[in-house]
Amino acid sequence: MDDIALHRKLQQCTDLGLSAVLITIVESKGSTPRGAGAKMILLENGKFMGTIGGGCVEGKIKKEALDIILYNHTSKVVTSYLNDKLGVTDGDICGGSLTVLLEYIPPAKEKTLQPS
């Protein structure tokens, strides 16, 4: 999914009342599956679009993003290392590091309960 399609999908989701985190790799060092500029979106329902490389590093970043949606409602920068103990045991042996921006995107409108 290219960046334009990803941003359009993000707009559609927030217009429907979903909050999200836009995840962007801002720096990569060494060997990494994706480089700076790679993006993905995590929605409050746990669905995601795009990828920053997969594996346990992406799983770790998704968890950070979900915590932002559920509790913090703020943006932050996180660095993950693909050569730490978790990465090596899960097969992520790239050896580099990724710094990502996790941008909290609030819903464009309040959710309303639909009559049942």
C-alpha atoms as a PDB file:
ATOM      1  CA  MET A   1       0.000   0.000   0.000  1.00  0.00           C
ATOM      2  CA  ASP A   2       1.534   3.329  -1.007  1.00  0.00           C
ATOM      3  CA  ASP A   3       1.612   6.357   1.306  1.00  0.00           C
ATOM      4  CA  ILE A   4      -1.326   8.122  -0.372  1.00  0.00           C
ATOM      5  CA  ALA A   5      -3.582   5.059  -0.045  1.00  0.00           C
ATOM      6  CA  LEU A   6      -2.450   4.568   3.561  1.00  0.00           C
ATOM      7  CA  HIS A   7      -3.268   8.177   4.481  1.00  0.00           C
ATOM      8  CA  ARG A   8      -6.652   7.971   2.739  1.00  0.00           C
ATOM      9  CA  LYS A   9      -7.463   4.830   4.720  1.00  0.00           C
ATOM     10  CA  LEU A  10      -6.375   6.580   7.917  1.00  0.00           C
ATOM     11  CA  GLN A  11      -8.715   9.489   7.125  1.00  0.00           C
ATOM     12  CA  GLN A  12     -11.622   7.102   6.454  1.00  0.00           C
ATOM     13  CA  CYS A  13     -11.065   5.324   9.756  1.00  0.00           C
ATOM     14  CA  THR A  14     -10.843   8.495  11.839  1.00  0.00           C
ATOM     15  CA  ASP A  15     -13.928   9.856  10.045  1.00  0.00           C
ATOM     16  CA  LEU A  16     -15.746   6.734  11.276  1.00  0.00           C
ATOM     17  CA  GLY A  17     -14.759   7.570  14.848  1.00  0.00           C
ATOM     18  CA  LEU A  18     -11.742   5.289  15.272  1.00  0.00           C
ATOM     19  CA  SER A  19      -8.528   6.479  16.853  1.00  0.00           C
ATOM     20  CA  ALA A  20      -5.238   5.292  15.411  1.00  0.00           C
ATOM     21  CA  VAL A  21      -1.482   5.513  15.602  1.00  0.00           C
ATOM     22  CA  LEU A  22       0.499   6.355  12.487  1.00  0.00           C
ATOM     23  CA  ILE A  23       3.847   4.574  12.785  1.00  0.00           C
ATOM     24  CA  THR A  24       6.737   5.908  10.691  1.00  0.00           C
ATOM     25  CA  ILE A  25      10.344   4.751  10.646  1.00  0.00           C
ATOM     26  CA  VAL A  26      12.339   7.959  11.042  1.00  0.00           C
ATOM     27  CA  GLU A  27      15.784   6.326  11.168  1.00  0.00           C
ATOM     28  CA  SER A  28      17.249   2.911  10.513  1.00  0.00           C
ATOM     29  CA  LYS A  29      20.801   1.832  11.259  1.00  0.00           C
ATOM     30  CA  GLY A  30      22.523  -1.324  10.140  1.00  0.00           C
ATOM     31  CA  SER A  31      20.566  -4.151   8.600  1.00  0.00           C
ATOM     32  CA  THR A  32      16.777  -3.685   8.897  1.00  0.00           C
ATOM     33  CA  PRO A  33      13.848  -5.030   6.881  1.00  0.00           C
ATOM     34  CA  ARG A  34      12.515  -1.545   6.031  1.00  0.00           C
ATOM     35  CA  GLY A  35      14.112   1.867   5.942  1.00  0.00           C
ATOM     36  CA  ALA A  36      13.263   5.421   6.919  1.00  0.00           C
ATOM     37  CA  GLY A  37       9.878   6.521   5.628  1.00  0.00           C
ATOM     38  CA  ALA A  38       8.172   3.114   5.889  1.00  0.00           C
ATOM     39  CA  LYS A  39       4.738   3.508   7.477  1.00  0.00           C
ATOM     40  CA  MET A  40       1.963   1.511   9.041  1.00  0.00           C
ATOM     41  CA  ILE A  41      -1.261   2.305  10.870  1.00  0.00           C
ATOM     42  CA  LEU A  42      -2.634   0.582  13.951  1.00  0.00           C
ATOM     43  CA  LEU A  43      -6.314   1.127  14.743  1.00  0.00           C
ATOM     44  CA  GLU A  44      -7.953   0.946  18.158  1.00  0.00           C
ATOM     45  CA  ASN A  45      -9.614  -2.339  17.177  1.00  0.00           C
ATOM     46  CA  GLY A  46      -6.174  -3.927  16.682  1.00  0.00           C
ATOM     47  CA  LYS A  47      -6.332  -3.980  12.885  1.00  0.00           C
ATOM     48  CA  PHE A  48      -3.350  -2.624  11.018  1.00  0.00           C
ATOM     49  CA  MET A  49      -2.378  -1.544   7.519  1.00  0.00           C
ATOM     50  CA  GLY A  50       1.101  -1.372   6.053  1.00  0.00           C
ATOM     51  CA  THR A  51       4.265  -2.728   7.653  1.00  0.00           C
ATOM     52  CA  ILE A  52       7.505  -1.564   9.176  1.00  0.00           C
ATOM     53  CA  GLY A  53       9.149  -4.928   8.624  1.00  0.00           C
ATOM     54  CA  GLY A  54       7.294  -7.653  10.490  1.00  0.00           C
ATOM     55  CA  GLY A  55       8.653  -9.999  13.123  1.00  0.00           C
ATOM     56  CA  CYS A  56       8.908  -9.326  16.812  1.00  0.00           C
ATOM     57  CA  VAL A  57      10.126  -5.742  16.334  1.00  0.00           C
ATOM     58  CA  GLU A  58       6.840  -4.905  14.586  1.00  0.00           C
ATOM     59  CA  GLY A  59       4.940  -6.762  17.311  1.00  0.00           C
ATOM     60  CA  LYS A  60       6.717  -4.733  19.990  1.00  0.00           C
ATOM     61  CA  ILE A  61       5.911  -1.466  18.191  1.00  0.00           C
ATOM     62  CA  LYS A  62       2.251  -2.492  17.749  1.00  0.00           C
ATOM     63  CA  LYS A  63       2.009  -3.073  21.508  1.00  0.00           C
ATOM     64  CA  GLU A  64       3.477   0.397  22.169  1.00  0.00           C
ATOM     65  CA  ALA A  65       0.986   1.892  19.682  1.00  0.00           C
ATOM     66  CA  LEU A  66      -1.982   0.120  21.282  1.00  0.00           C
ATOM     67  CA  ASP A  67      -0.923   1.421  24.704  1.00  0.00           C
ATOM     68  CA  ILE A  68      -0.945   4.933  23.223  1.00  0.00           C
ATOM     69  CA  ILE A  69      -4.478   4.452  21.859  1.00  0.00           C
ATOM     70  CA  LEU A  70      -5.869   2.914  25.034  1.00  0.00           C
ATOM     71  CA  TYR A  71      -4.109   4.921  27.732  1.00  0.00           C
ATOM     72  CA  ASN A  72      -1.735   7.735  26.752  1.00  0.00           C
ATOM     73  CA  HIS A  73      -3.268   9.563  23.765  1.00  0.00           C
ATOM     74  CA  THR A  74       0.099  11.111  22.986  1.00  0.00           C
ATOM     75  CA  SER A  75       2.842  10.715  20.431  1.00  0.00           C
ATOM     76  CA  LYS A  76       6.360   9.449  21.105  1.00  0.00           C
ATOM     77  CA  VAL A  77       9.574   8.205  19.543  1.00  0.00           C
ATOM     78  CA  VAL A  78      10.787   4.648  20.227  1.00  0.00           C
ATOM     79  CA  THR A  79      14.015   2.878  19.246  1.00  0.00           C
ATOM     80  CA  SER A  80      14.008  -0.905  18.808  1.00  0.00           C
ATOM     81  CA  TYR A  81      17.043  -3.108  18.333  1.00  0.00           C
ATOM     82  CA  LEU A  82      16.870  -6.118  16.039  1.00  0.00           C
ATOM     83  CA  ASN A  83      19.752  -7.858  17.767  1.00  0.00           C
ATOM     84  CA  ASP A  84      18.402  -8.011  21.318  1.00  0.00           C
ATOM     85  CA  LYS A  85      17.580 -11.278  23.080  1.00  0.00           C
ATOM     86  CA  LEU A  86      13.916 -11.273  21.989  1.00  0.00           C
ATOM     87  CA  GLY A  87      14.824 -10.646  18.360  1.00  0.00           C
ATOM     88  CA  VAL A  88      17.485 -13.334  18.217  1.00  0.00           C
ATOM     89  CA  THR A  89      15.253 -16.001  19.783  1.00  0.00           C
ATOM     90  CA  ASP A  90      12.443 -15.108  17.371  1.00  0.00           C
ATOM     91  CA  GLY A  91      14.717 -15.206  14.335  1.00  0.00           C
ATOM     92  CA  ASP A  92      15.068 -11.437  13.833  1.00  0.00           C
ATOM     93  CA  ILE A  93      18.800 -11.476  13.238  1.00  0.00           C
ATOM     94  CA  CYS A  94      19.080  -8.393  11.052  1.00  0.00           C
ATOM     95  CA  GLY A  95      21.310  -6.739  13.638  1.00  0.00           C
ATOM     96  CA  GLY A  96      20.250  -3.133  13.062  1.00  0.00           C
ATOM     97  CA  SER A  97      17.983  -0.703  14.861  1.00  0.00           C
ATOM     98  CA  LEU A  98      14.829   1.216  13.997  1.00  0.00           C
ATOM     99  CA  THR A  99      13.698   4.520  15.435  1.00  0.00           C
ATOM    100  CA  VAL A 100       9.994   5.074  14.891  1.00  0.00           C
ATOM    101  CA  LEU A 101       7.607   7.944  15.449  1.00  0.00           C
ATOM    102  CA  LEU A 102       4.298   6.795  16.947  1.00  0.00           C
ATOM    103  CA  GLU A 103       1.781   9.559  16.146  1.00  0.00           C
ATOM    104  CA  TYR A 104      -1.532   9.431  17.979  1.00  0.00           C
ATOM    105  CA  ILE A 105      -4.399  10.324  15.644  1.00  0.00           C
ATOM    106  CA  PRO A 106      -7.684  10.970  17.483  1.00  0.00           C
ATOM    107  CA  PRO A 107     -11.047  10.206  15.906  1.00  0.00           C
ATOM    108  CA  ALA A 108     -12.397  13.002  13.728  1.00  0.00           C
ATOM    109  CA  LYS A 109     -15.756  12.770  15.460  1.00  0.00           C
ATOM    110  CA  GLU A 110     -17.200  11.310  18.607  1.00  0.00           C
ATOM    111  CA  LYS A 111     -18.568   7.804  18.396  1.00  0.00           C
ATOM    112  CA  THR A 112     -22.298   7.535  18.823  1.00  0.00           C
ATOM    113  CA  LEU A 113     -24.179   4.494  19.951  1.00  0.00           C
ATOM    114  CA  GLN A 114     -26.386   3.051  17.264  1.00  0.00           C
ATOM    115  CA  PRO A 115     -29.841   1.822  18.307  1.00  0.00           C
ATOM    116  CA  SER A 116     -30.079  -1.961  18.325  1.00  0.00           C
END
